[in-house]
Amino acid sequence: MFNRRAFLSLAGLAAFPSIRLSAQRGGGAAAPAGPLPPSIAALTSMRDQAKPITAEERRGRIERARRLMGDMAALGKGEMLIIA
């Protein structure tokens, strides 16, 4: 029997190729209407200044995120957590 879940799954799969082709052809996002403002056009790449984070820093970020998620779970409804 063909149920709603199966129909939606097939509809999503059928739509995927057309969405992908549209994005490849540049039909996804609209192009800017005119030239860029001078302040934006004057920007230069800062790629050479970027430094990858260390494994230790990554572990620290993950641990901080876990602590924050635990704090959020401990709060009751209506309470607010302000992260500084």
C-alpha atoms as a PDB file:
ATOM      1  CA  MET A   1       0.000   0.000   0.000  1.00  0.00           C
ATOM      2  CA  PHE A   2       1.218   3.479  -0.844  1.00  0.00           C
ATOM      3  CA  ASN A   3       1.090   5.630   2.277  1.00  0.00           C
ATOM      4  CA  ARG A   4       1.830   9.291   2.919  1.00  0.00           C
ATOM      5  CA  ARG A   5       5.364   8.630   4.192  1.00  0.00           C
ATOM      6  CA  ALA A   6       6.307   6.704   1.054  1.00  0.00           C
ATOM      7  CA  PHE A   7       4.788   9.406  -1.147  1.00  0.00           C
ATOM      8  CA  LEU A   8       6.714  12.201   0.585  1.00  0.00           C
ATOM      9  CA  SER A   9       9.947  10.214   0.404  1.00  0.00           C
ATOM     10  CA  LEU A  10       9.562   9.674  -3.322  1.00  0.00           C
ATOM     11  CA  ALA A  11       8.543  13.289  -3.898  1.00  0.00           C
ATOM     12  CA  GLY A  12      11.666  14.482  -2.081  1.00  0.00           C
ATOM     13  CA  LEU A  13      13.892  12.175  -4.101  1.00  0.00           C
ATOM     14  CA  ALA A  14      12.260  13.293  -7.332  1.00  0.00           C
ATOM     15  CA  ALA A  15      12.811  16.966  -6.497  1.00  0.00           C
ATOM     16  CA  PHE A  16      16.486  16.527  -5.567  1.00  0.00           C
ATOM     17  CA  PRO A  17      17.953  16.342  -9.107  1.00  0.00           C
ATOM     18  CA  SER A  18      16.153  19.487 -10.221  1.00  0.00           C
ATOM     19  CA  ILE A  19      17.341  21.410  -7.155  1.00  0.00           C
ATOM     20  CA  ARG A  20      20.893  20.241  -7.738  1.00  0.00           C
ATOM     21  CA  LEU A  21      20.852  21.226 -11.408  1.00  0.00           C
ATOM     22  CA  SER A  22      19.424  24.626 -10.545  1.00  0.00           C
ATOM     23  CA  ALA A  23      22.248  25.265  -8.071  1.00  0.00           C
ATOM     24  CA  GLN A  24      24.885  24.122 -10.586  1.00  0.00           C
ATOM     25  CA  ARG A  25      23.540  26.488 -13.234  1.00  0.00           C
ATOM     26  CA  GLY A  26      23.718  29.423 -10.865  1.00  0.00           C
ATOM     27  CA  GLY A  27      19.978  29.572 -10.405  1.00  0.00           C
ATOM     28  CA  GLY A  28      20.223  29.179  -6.620  1.00  0.00           C
ATOM     29  CA  ALA A  29      21.007  32.626  -5.263  1.00  0.00           C
ATOM     30  CA  ALA A  30      20.341  35.848  -7.091  1.00  0.00           C
ATOM     31  CA  ALA A  31      23.376  37.716  -8.401  1.00  0.00           C
ATOM     32  CA  PRO A  32      24.009  41.266  -7.161  1.00  0.00           C
ATOM     33  CA  ALA A  33      22.048  43.843  -9.116  1.00  0.00           C
ATOM     34  CA  GLY A  34      24.972  46.205  -9.640  1.00  0.00           C
ATOM     35  CA  PRO A  35      28.620  46.776  -8.876  1.00  0.00           C
ATOM     36  CA  LEU A  36      29.869  46.258  -5.341  1.00  0.00           C
ATOM     37  CA  PRO A  37      30.207  49.262  -3.046  1.00  0.00           C
ATOM     38  CA  PRO A  38      33.798  50.584  -2.924  1.00  0.00           C
ATOM     39  CA  SER A  39      34.203  49.555   0.718  1.00  0.00           C
ATOM     40  CA  ILE A  40      33.376  45.936  -0.177  1.00  0.00           C
ATOM     41  CA  ALA A  41      35.392  45.941  -3.412  1.00  0.00           C
ATOM     42  CA  ALA A  42      38.474  47.184  -1.497  1.00  0.00           C
ATOM     43  CA  LEU A  43      38.470  44.191   0.852  1.00  0.00           C
ATOM     44  CA  THR A  44      41.404  41.828   0.461  1.00  0.00           C
ATOM     45  CA  SER A  45      41.714  38.172   1.365  1.00  0.00           C
ATOM     46  CA  MET A  46      42.884  37.406   4.888  1.00  0.00           C
ATOM     47  CA  ARG A  47      43.285  33.724   4.115  1.00  0.00           C
ATOM     48  CA  ASP A  48      47.043  33.760   4.726  1.00  0.00           C
ATOM     49  CA  GLN A  49      46.463  35.065   8.280  1.00  0.00           C
ATOM     50  CA  ALA A  50      44.084  32.258   9.263  1.00  0.00           C
ATOM     51  CA  LYS A  51      45.569  29.637  11.575  1.00  0.00           C
ATOM     52  CA  PRO A  52      44.034  26.221  12.181  1.00  0.00           C
ATOM     53  CA  ILE A  53      42.998  25.429  15.733  1.00  0.00           C
ATOM     54  CA  THR A  54      45.004  22.854  17.648  1.00  0.00           C
ATOM     55  CA  ALA A  55      43.608  19.507  18.729  1.00  0.00           C
ATOM     56  CA  GLU A  56      43.707  20.724  22.343  1.00  0.00           C
ATOM     57  CA  GLU A  57      41.698  23.848  21.488  1.00  0.00           C
ATOM     58  CA  ARG A  58      39.169  21.703  19.623  1.00  0.00           C
ATOM     59  CA  ARG A  59      38.751  19.423  22.640  1.00  0.00           C
ATOM     60  CA  GLY A  60      38.292  22.490  24.837  1.00  0.00           C
ATOM     61  CA  ARG A  61      35.591  23.866  22.546  1.00  0.00           C
ATOM     62  CA  ILE A  62      33.756  20.553  22.535  1.00  0.00           C
ATOM     63  CA  GLU A  63      33.933  20.332  26.328  1.00  0.00           C
ATOM     64  CA  ARG A  64      32.633  23.897  26.711  1.00  0.00           C
ATOM     65  CA  ALA A  65      29.745  23.117  24.337  1.00  0.00           C
ATOM     66  CA  ARG A  66      28.902  20.007  26.383  1.00  0.00           C
ATOM     67  CA  ARG A  67      28.906  22.024  29.608  1.00  0.00           C
ATOM     68  CA  LEU A  68      26.678  24.693  28.084  1.00  0.00           C
ATOM     69  CA  MET A  69      24.253  22.069  26.779  1.00  0.00           C
ATOM     70  CA  GLY A  70      24.150  20.482  30.225  1.00  0.00           C
ATOM     71  CA  ASP A  71      23.430  23.883  31.775  1.00  0.00           C
ATOM     72  CA  MET A  72      20.632  24.425  29.276  1.00  0.00           C
ATOM     73  CA  ALA A  73      19.090  21.036  30.098  1.00  0.00           C
ATOM     74  CA  ALA A  74      19.211  21.844  33.814  1.00  0.00           C
ATOM     75  CA  LEU A  75      17.215  25.042  33.370  1.00  0.00           C
ATOM     76  CA  GLY A  76      13.476  24.867  33.754  1.00  0.00           C
ATOM     77  CA  LYS A  77      10.956  26.298  31.332  1.00  0.00           C
ATOM     78  CA  GLY A  78      10.808  30.044  31.474  1.00  0.00           C
ATOM     79  CA  GLU A  79      14.323  30.453  32.804  1.00  0.00           C
ATOM     80  CA  MET A  80      16.978  32.083  30.672  1.00  0.00           C
ATOM     81  CA  LEU A  81      20.700  31.452  30.406  1.00  0.00           C
ATOM     82  CA  ILE A  82      22.861  34.406  29.455  1.00  0.00           C
ATOM     83  CA  ILE A  83      26.237  33.338  28.121  1.00  0.00           C
ATOM     84  CA  ALA A  84      28.974  35.891  28.504  1.00  0.00           C
END
